Amino acid sequence: MNNTTSIILLGSIALAFAIDYLFNGFSGSVFLARKLADLIEYMAFWR
């Protein structure tokens, strides 16, 4: 990954968090974090 791609990716992620904060108060980010934690736990079970 080159510098341009990493900067664009970082900007996209930061923009997504900013939009989530402005419109939802981070509820979308919390939902995704909980689902990611559930997925990690599920994958660890099948390990």
PDB file of N, CA and C in Angstrom:
ATOM      1  N   MET A   1       0.849  -1.160   0.000  1.00  0.00           N
ATOM      2  CA  MET A   1       0.000   0.000   0.000  1.00  0.00           C
ATOM      3  C   MET A   1       0.905   1.237   0.000  1.00  0.00           C
ATOM      4  N   ASN A   2       0.654   2.104  -0.924  1.00  0.00           N
ATOM      5  CA  ASN A   2       1.473   3.314  -0.981  1.00  0.00           C
ATOM      6  C   ASN A   2       0.864   4.429  -0.126  1.00  0.00           C
ATOM      7  N   ASN A   3       1.563   5.542  -0.039  1.00  0.00           N
ATOM      8  CA  ASN A   3       1.138   6.634   0.847  1.00  0.00           C
ATOM      9  C   ASN A   3      -0.199   7.231   0.439  1.00  0.00           C
ATOM     10  N   THR A   4      -0.424   7.384  -0.837  1.00  0.00           N
ATOM     11  CA  THR A   4      -1.674   7.974  -1.305  1.00  0.00           C
ATOM     12  C   THR A   4      -2.862   7.105  -0.922  1.00  0.00           C
ATOM     13  N   THR A   5      -2.735   5.825  -1.122  1.00  0.00           N
ATOM     14  CA  THR A   5      -3.816   4.907  -0.783  1.00  0.00           C
ATOM     15  C   THR A   5      -4.084   4.906   0.716  1.00  0.00           C
ATOM     16  N   SER A   6      -3.040   4.919   1.510  1.00  0.00           N
ATOM     17  CA  SER A   6      -3.229   4.900   2.963  1.00  0.00           C
ATOM     18  C   SER A   6      -3.870   6.193   3.462  1.00  0.00           C
ATOM     19  N   ILE A   7      -3.522   7.322   2.867  1.00  0.00           N
ATOM     20  CA  ILE A   7      -4.131   8.597   3.260  1.00  0.00           C
ATOM     21  C   ILE A   7      -5.603   8.629   2.876  1.00  0.00           C
ATOM     22  N   ILE A   8      -5.939   8.135   1.699  1.00  0.00           N
ATOM     23  CA  ILE A   8      -7.338   8.076   1.268  1.00  0.00           C
ATOM     24  C   ILE A   8      -8.134   7.144   2.170  1.00  0.00           C
ATOM     25  N   LEU A   9      -7.570   6.006   2.523  1.00  0.00           N
ATOM     26  CA  LEU A   9      -8.242   5.062   3.412  1.00  0.00           C
ATOM     27  C   LEU A   9      -8.459   5.677   4.793  1.00  0.00           C
ATOM     28  N   LEU A  10      -7.444   6.330   5.337  1.00  0.00           N
ATOM     29  CA  LEU A  10      -7.563   6.993   6.633  1.00  0.00           C
ATOM     30  C   LEU A  10      -8.622   8.092   6.591  1.00  0.00           C
ATOM     31  N   GLY A  11      -8.635   8.864   5.529  1.00  0.00           N
ATOM     32  CA  GLY A  11      -9.636   9.918   5.388  1.00  0.00           C
ATOM     33  C   GLY A  11     -11.046   9.366   5.292  1.00  0.00           C
ATOM     34  N   SER A  12     -11.203   8.263   4.580  1.00  0.00           N
ATOM     35  CA  SER A  12     -12.520   7.639   4.454  1.00  0.00           C
ATOM     36  C   SER A  12     -13.019   7.118   5.794  1.00  0.00           C
ATOM     37  N   ILE A  13     -12.138   6.488   6.545  1.00  0.00           N
ATOM     38  CA  ILE A  13     -12.521   5.966   7.860  1.00  0.00           C
ATOM     39  C   ILE A  13     -12.851   7.114   8.813  1.00  0.00           C
ATOM     40  N   ALA A  14     -12.030   8.163   8.803  1.00  0.00           N
ATOM     41  CA  ALA A  14     -12.289   9.323   9.662  1.00  0.00           C
ATOM     42  C   ALA A  14     -13.602  10.001   9.282  1.00  0.00           C
ATOM     43  N   LEU A  15     -13.881  10.102   7.996  1.00  0.00           N
ATOM     44  CA  LEU A  15     -15.137  10.692   7.538  1.00  0.00           C
ATOM     45  C   LEU A  15     -16.331   9.848   7.976  1.00  0.00           C
ATOM     46  N   ALA A  16     -16.202   8.538   7.896  1.00  0.00           N
ATOM     47  CA  ALA A  16     -17.286   7.651   8.328  1.00  0.00           C
ATOM     48  C   ALA A  16     -17.561   7.820   9.821  1.00  0.00           C
ATOM     49  N   PHE A  17     -16.498   7.912  10.628  1.00  0.00           N
ATOM     50  CA  PHE A  17     -16.684   8.132  12.064  1.00  0.00           C
ATOM     51  C   PHE A  17     -17.297   9.505  12.336  1.00  0.00           C
ATOM     52  N   ALA A  18     -16.875  10.520  11.597  1.00  0.00           N
ATOM     53  CA  ALA A  18     -17.421  11.865  11.791  1.00  0.00           C
ATOM     54  C   ALA A  18     -18.904  11.919  11.437  1.00  0.00           C
ATOM     55  N   ILE A  19     -19.282  11.293  10.346  1.00  0.00           N
ATOM     56  CA  ILE A  19     -20.693  11.261   9.948  1.00  0.00           C
ATOM     57  C   ILE A  19     -21.511  10.484  10.966  1.00  0.00           C
ATOM     58  N   ASP A  20     -20.961   9.369  11.446  1.00  0.00           N
ATOM     59  CA  ASP A  20     -21.661   8.587  12.461  1.00  0.00           C
ATOM     60  C   ASP A  20     -21.835   9.405  13.739  1.00  0.00           C
ATOM     61  N   TYR A  21     -20.822  10.160  14.123  1.00  0.00           N
ATOM     62  CA  TYR A  21     -20.924  11.003  15.322  1.00  0.00           C
ATOM     63  C   TYR A  21     -21.973  12.095  15.137  1.00  0.00           C
ATOM     64  N   LEU A  22     -21.974  12.734  13.976  1.00  0.00           N
ATOM     65  CA  LEU A  22     -22.900  13.843  13.751  1.00  0.00           C
ATOM     66  C   LEU A  22     -24.354  13.394  13.682  1.00  0.00           C
ATOM     67  N   PHE A  23     -24.610  12.269  13.034  1.00  0.00           N
ATOM     68  CA  PHE A  23     -25.989  11.854  12.809  1.00  0.00           C
ATOM     69  C   PHE A  23     -26.503  10.830  13.810  1.00  0.00           C
ATOM     70  N   ASN A  24     -25.602  10.026  14.404  1.00  0.00           N
ATOM     71  CA  ASN A  24     -26.060   8.939  15.269  1.00  0.00           C
ATOM     72  C   ASN A  24     -25.447   8.941  16.655  1.00  0.00           C
ATOM     73  N   GLY A  25     -24.519   9.805  16.933  1.00  0.00           N
ATOM     74  CA  GLY A  25     -23.878   9.810  18.240  1.00  0.00           C
ATOM     75  C   GLY A  25     -23.063   8.558  18.507  1.00  0.00           C
ATOM     76  N   PHE A  26     -22.374   8.073  17.511  1.00  0.00           N
ATOM     77  CA  PHE A  26     -21.515   6.881  17.554  1.00  0.00           C
ATOM     78  C   PHE A  26     -22.285   5.571  17.749  1.00  0.00           C
ATOM     79  N   SER A  27     -23.598   5.570  17.616  1.00  0.00           N
ATOM     80  CA  SER A  27     -24.337   4.325  17.809  1.00  0.00           C
ATOM     81  C   SER A  27     -24.028   3.306  16.711  1.00  0.00           C
ATOM     82  N   GLY A  28     -23.772   3.751  15.508  1.00  0.00           N
ATOM     83  CA  GLY A  28     -23.407   2.830  14.433  1.00  0.00           C
ATOM     84  C   GLY A  28     -22.046   2.205  14.657  1.00  0.00           C
ATOM     85  N   SER A  29     -21.108   2.993  15.152  1.00  0.00           N
ATOM     86  CA  SER A  29     -19.768   2.469  15.432  1.00  0.00           C
ATOM     87  C   SER A  29     -19.798   1.471  16.580  1.00  0.00           C
ATOM     88  N   VAL A  30     -20.589   1.765  17.604  1.00  0.00           N
ATOM     89  CA  VAL A  30     -20.710   0.840  18.734  1.00  0.00           C
ATOM     90  C   VAL A  30     -21.355  -0.463  18.272  1.00  0.00           C
ATOM     91  N   PHE A  31     -22.372  -0.365  17.422  1.00  0.00           N
ATOM     92  CA  PHE A  31     -23.018  -1.561  16.892  1.00  0.00           C
ATOM     93  C   PHE A  31     -22.023  -2.422  16.120  1.00  0.00           C
ATOM     94  N   LEU A  32     -21.236  -1.798  15.240  1.00  0.00           N
ATOM     95  CA  LEU A  32     -20.254  -2.554  14.465  1.00  0.00           C
ATOM     96  C   LEU A  32     -19.170  -3.151  15.351  1.00  0.00           C
ATOM     97  N   ALA A  33     -18.753  -2.436  16.383  1.00  0.00           N
ATOM     98  CA  ALA A  33     -17.740  -2.963  17.304  1.00  0.00           C
ATOM     99  C   ALA A  33     -18.271  -4.175  18.058  1.00  0.00           C
ATOM    100  N   ARG A  34     -19.523  -4.132  18.482  1.00  0.00           N
ATOM    101  CA  ARG A  34     -20.118  -5.280  19.178  1.00  0.00           C
ATOM    102  C   ARG A  34     -20.249  -6.478  18.246  1.00  0.00           C
ATOM    103  N   LYS A  35     -20.659  -6.241  17.014  1.00  0.00           N
ATOM    104  CA  LYS A  35     -20.783  -7.340  16.055  1.00  0.00           C
ATOM    105  C   LYS A  35     -19.418  -7.931  15.720  1.00  0.00           C
ATOM    106  N   LEU A  36     -18.392  -7.091  15.625  1.00  0.00           N
ATOM    107  CA  LEU A  36     -17.041  -7.586  15.382  1.00  0.00           C
ATOM    108  C   LEU A  36     -16.568  -8.433  16.557  1.00  0.00           C
ATOM    109  N   ALA A  37     -16.863  -8.015  17.779  1.00  0.00           N
ATOM    110  CA  ALA A  37     -16.495  -8.800  18.963  1.00  0.00           C
ATOM    111  C   ALA A  37     -17.217 -10.142  18.957  1.00  0.00           C
ATOM    112  N   ASP A  38     -18.494 -10.156  18.568  1.00  0.00           N
ATOM    113  CA  ASP A  38     -19.236 -11.415  18.463  1.00  0.00           C
ATOM    114  C   ASP A  38     -18.634 -12.325  17.400  1.00  0.00           C
ATOM    115  N   LEU A  39     -18.230 -11.754  16.272  1.00  0.00           N
ATOM    116  CA  LEU A  39     -17.619 -12.546  15.205  1.00  0.00           C
ATOM    117  C   LEU A  39     -16.298 -13.144  15.659  1.00  0.00           C
ATOM    118  N   ILE A  40     -15.487 -12.366  16.361  1.00  0.00           N
ATOM    119  CA  ILE A  40     -14.207 -12.874  16.862  1.00  0.00           C
ATOM    120  C   ILE A  40     -14.439 -14.004  17.854  1.00  0.00           C
ATOM    121  N   GLU A  41     -15.417 -13.848  18.732  1.00  0.00           N
ATOM    122  CA  GLU A  41     -15.730 -14.904  19.692  1.00  0.00           C
ATOM    123  C   GLU A  41     -16.228 -16.158  18.976  1.00  0.00           C
ATOM    124  N   TYR A  42     -17.049 -15.992  17.953  1.00  0.00           N
ATOM    125  CA  TYR A  42     -17.563 -17.123  17.181  1.00  0.00           C
ATOM    126  C   TYR A  42     -16.432 -17.852  16.462  1.00  0.00           C
ATOM    127  N   MET A  43     -15.524 -17.089  15.860  1.00  0.00           N
ATOM    128  CA  MET A  43     -14.394 -17.706  15.161  1.00  0.00           C
ATOM    129  C   MET A  43     -13.462 -18.415  16.141  1.00  0.00           C
ATOM    130  N   ALA A  44     -13.288 -17.877  17.334  1.00  0.00           N
ATOM    131  CA  ALA A  44     -12.436 -18.520  18.342  1.00  0.00           C
ATOM    132  C   ALA A  44     -13.060 -19.825  18.804  1.00  0.00           C
ATOM    133  N   PHE A  45     -14.378 -19.893  18.827  1.00  0.00           N
ATOM    134  CA  PHE A  45     -15.061 -21.122  19.225  1.00  0.00           C
ATOM    135  C   PHE A  45     -14.785 -22.239  18.221  1.00  0.00           C
ATOM    136  N   TRP A  46     -14.755 -21.920  16.942  1.00  0.00           N
ATOM    137  CA  TRP A  46     -14.563 -22.927  15.905  1.00  0.00           C
ATOM    138  C   TRP A  46     -13.097 -23.202  15.612  1.00  0.00           C
ATOM    139  N   ARG A  47     -12.218 -22.607  16.342  1.00  0.00           N
ATOM    140  CA  ARG A  47     -10.791 -22.792  16.123  1.00  0.00           C
ATOM    141  C   ARG A  47     -10.332 -24.178  16.480  1.00  0.00           C
TER     142      ARG A  47
END
